Amino acid sequence: MRYRLTFVSGLAVGYVLGARAGRERYEQIMKGVRRIAENPAVRNAGEAAALSGRQAATKAADAVQDRLPSPVSDRVRTVRDHRARAGSDWGAEAH
């Protein structure tokens, strides 16, 4: 019992001290992440990757749509139509 109490006490002290240091480190990391995310080159690369992903998803959906069971195919078509009305270009023809 004595060892458990010592262990739990040490765990609690370590948690409190780690939480304080952890919060400071978290703030440092987030500051760096924000700085990187605001970099125009990084933003352009992210947008290009998102566009490529959407185009790849469209090609994949088109390639397998005829082979899918009809309920799944209908669901894909419904999602495409919904996103088209919402202004997303997912499922739009890739040019």
C-alpha atoms as a PDB file:
ATOM      1  CA  MET A   1       0.000   0.000   0.000  1.00  0.00           C
ATOM      2  CA  ARG A   2       2.846   2.362   0.840  1.00  0.00           C
ATOM      3  CA  TYR A   3       4.408   1.828  -2.574  1.00  0.00           C
ATOM      4  CA  ARG A   4       1.141   2.489  -4.336  1.00  0.00           C
ATOM      5  CA  LEU A   5       0.676   5.743  -2.431  1.00  0.00           C
ATOM      6  CA  THR A   6       4.237   6.809  -3.277  1.00  0.00           C
ATOM      7  CA  PHE A   7       3.703   5.905  -6.919  1.00  0.00           C
ATOM      8  CA  VAL A   8       0.393   7.772  -7.167  1.00  0.00           C
ATOM      9  CA  SER A   9       1.890  10.802  -5.416  1.00  0.00           C
ATOM     10  CA  GLY A  10       4.833  10.838  -7.814  1.00  0.00           C
ATOM     11  CA  LEU A  11       2.467  10.456 -10.727  1.00  0.00           C
ATOM     12  CA  ALA A  12       0.370  13.419  -9.543  1.00  0.00           C
ATOM     13  CA  VAL A  13       3.420  15.664  -9.036  1.00  0.00           C
ATOM     14  CA  GLY A  14       4.814  14.667 -12.415  1.00  0.00           C
ATOM     15  CA  TYR A  15       1.490  15.376 -14.067  1.00  0.00           C
ATOM     16  CA  VAL A  16       1.225  18.865 -12.552  1.00  0.00           C
ATOM     17  CA  LEU A  17       4.798  19.794 -13.436  1.00  0.00           C
ATOM     18  CA  GLY A  18       4.493  18.251 -16.876  1.00  0.00           C
ATOM     19  CA  ALA A  19       1.215  20.022 -17.547  1.00  0.00           C
ATOM     20  CA  ARG A  20       2.771  23.412 -16.875  1.00  0.00           C
ATOM     21  CA  ALA A  21       5.792  22.706 -19.049  1.00  0.00           C
ATOM     22  CA  GLY A  22       3.586  20.958 -21.565  1.00  0.00           C
ATOM     23  CA  ARG A  23       1.335  23.955 -21.974  1.00  0.00           C
ATOM     24  CA  GLU A  24       4.280  26.239 -22.648  1.00  0.00           C
ATOM     25  CA  ARG A  25       5.703  23.786 -25.161  1.00  0.00           C
ATOM     26  CA  TYR A  26       2.289  23.403 -26.764  1.00  0.00           C
ATOM     27  CA  GLU A  27       2.067  27.180 -27.220  1.00  0.00           C
ATOM     28  CA  GLN A  28       5.536  27.216 -28.803  1.00  0.00           C
ATOM     29  CA  ILE A  29       4.604  24.426 -31.190  1.00  0.00           C
ATOM     30  CA  MET A  30       1.315  26.077 -32.142  1.00  0.00           C
ATOM     31  CA  LYS A  31       3.059  29.394 -32.796  1.00  0.00           C
ATOM     32  CA  GLY A  32       5.427  27.618 -35.181  1.00  0.00           C
ATOM     33  CA  VAL A  33       2.573  25.754 -36.855  1.00  0.00           C
ATOM     34  CA  ARG A  34       0.650  28.991 -37.406  1.00  0.00           C
ATOM     35  CA  ARG A  35       3.736  30.652 -38.863  1.00  0.00           C
ATOM     36  CA  ILE A  36       4.255  27.756 -41.267  1.00  0.00           C
ATOM     37  CA  ALA A  37       0.563  27.561 -42.192  1.00  0.00           C
ATOM     38  CA  GLU A  38       0.518  31.255 -43.068  1.00  0.00           C
ATOM     39  CA  ASN A  39       3.442  30.847 -45.469  1.00  0.00           C
ATOM     40  CA  PRO A  40       2.127  31.393 -49.037  1.00  0.00           C
ATOM     41  CA  ALA A  41       4.209  28.555 -50.484  1.00  0.00           C
ATOM     42  CA  VAL A  42       2.782  26.100 -47.955  1.00  0.00           C
ATOM     43  CA  ARG A  43      -0.763  27.311 -48.583  1.00  0.00           C
ATOM     44  CA  ASN A  44      -0.335  26.926 -52.354  1.00  0.00           C
ATOM     45  CA  ALA A  45       1.059  23.419 -51.925  1.00  0.00           C
ATOM     46  CA  GLY A  46      -1.871  22.494 -49.687  1.00  0.00           C
ATOM     47  CA  GLU A  47      -4.406  23.823 -52.168  1.00  0.00           C
ATOM     48  CA  ALA A  48      -2.693  21.963 -55.011  1.00  0.00           C
ATOM     49  CA  ALA A  49      -2.720  18.742 -52.999  1.00  0.00           C
ATOM     50  CA  ALA A  50      -6.412  19.167 -52.202  1.00  0.00           C
ATOM     51  CA  LEU A  51      -7.216  19.745 -55.872  1.00  0.00           C
ATOM     52  CA  SER A  52      -5.211  16.678 -56.901  1.00  0.00           C
ATOM     53  CA  GLY A  53      -7.003  14.631 -54.272  1.00  0.00           C
ATOM     54  CA  ARG A  54     -10.409  15.745 -55.498  1.00  0.00           C
ATOM     55  CA  GLN A  55      -9.443  14.923 -59.084  1.00  0.00           C
ATOM     56  CA  ALA A  56      -8.160  11.486 -58.070  1.00  0.00           C
ATOM     57  CA  ALA A  57     -11.347  10.818 -56.084  1.00  0.00           C
ATOM     58  CA  THR A  58     -13.444  11.785 -59.091  1.00  0.00           C
ATOM     59  CA  LYS A  59     -11.496   9.470 -61.407  1.00  0.00           C
ATOM     60  CA  ALA A  60     -11.726   6.622 -58.891  1.00  0.00           C
ATOM     61  CA  ALA A  61     -15.460   7.112 -58.402  1.00  0.00           C
ATOM     62  CA  ASP A  62     -16.030   7.195 -62.156  1.00  0.00           C
ATOM     63  CA  ALA A  63     -13.948   4.063 -62.662  1.00  0.00           C
ATOM     64  CA  VAL A  64     -15.774   1.945 -60.101  1.00  0.00           C
ATOM     65  CA  GLN A  65     -19.272   3.371 -60.274  1.00  0.00           C
ATOM     66  CA  ASP A  66     -20.440   0.870 -62.901  1.00  0.00           C
ATOM     67  CA  ARG A  67     -19.107  -2.025 -60.833  1.00  0.00           C
ATOM     68  CA  LEU A  68     -20.735  -1.007 -57.561  1.00  0.00           C
ATOM     69  CA  PRO A  69     -24.017  -2.414 -56.319  1.00  0.00           C
ATOM     70  CA  SER A  70     -26.862  -0.092 -57.256  1.00  0.00           C
ATOM     71  CA  PRO A  71     -27.563   1.156 -53.674  1.00  0.00           C
ATOM     72  CA  VAL A  72     -23.921   2.227 -53.307  1.00  0.00           C
ATOM     73  CA  SER A  73     -23.859   3.748 -56.770  1.00  0.00           C
ATOM     74  CA  ASP A  74     -27.039   5.689 -55.980  1.00  0.00           C
ATOM     75  CA  ARG A  75     -25.504   6.957 -52.753  1.00  0.00           C
ATOM     76  CA  VAL A  76     -22.362   8.170 -54.565  1.00  0.00           C
ATOM     77  CA  ARG A  77     -24.537   9.954 -57.102  1.00  0.00           C
ATOM     78  CA  THR A  78     -26.592  11.557 -54.288  1.00  0.00           C
ATOM     79  CA  VAL A  79     -23.458  12.794 -52.514  1.00  0.00           C
ATOM     80  CA  ARG A  80     -22.129  14.202 -55.796  1.00  0.00           C
ATOM     81  CA  ASP A  81     -25.372  16.037 -56.478  1.00  0.00           C
ATOM     82  CA  HIS A  82     -25.515  17.398 -52.940  1.00  0.00           C
ATOM     83  CA  ARG A  83     -21.945  18.664 -53.081  1.00  0.00           C
ATOM     84  CA  ALA A  84     -22.495  20.214 -56.507  1.00  0.00           C
ATOM     85  CA  ARG A  85     -25.430  22.199 -55.126  1.00  0.00           C
ATOM     86  CA  ALA A  86     -23.351  23.228 -52.104  1.00  0.00           C
ATOM     87  CA  GLY A  87     -20.649  24.679 -54.357  1.00  0.00           C
ATOM     88  CA  SER A  88     -17.998  22.001 -53.898  1.00  0.00           C
ATOM     89  CA  ASP A  89     -16.267  20.776 -57.031  1.00  0.00           C
ATOM     90  CA  TRP A  90     -15.957  17.181 -55.812  1.00  0.00           C
ATOM     91  CA  GLY A  91     -17.295  14.920 -58.473  1.00  0.00           C
ATOM     92  CA  ALA A  92     -17.102  17.585 -61.154  1.00  0.00           C
ATOM     93  CA  GLU A  93     -15.433  16.721 -64.430  1.00  0.00           C
ATOM     94  CA  ALA A  94     -11.664  17.033 -64.135  1.00  0.00           C
ATOM     95  CA  HIS A  95     -10.172  19.121 -66.932  1.00  0.00           C
END
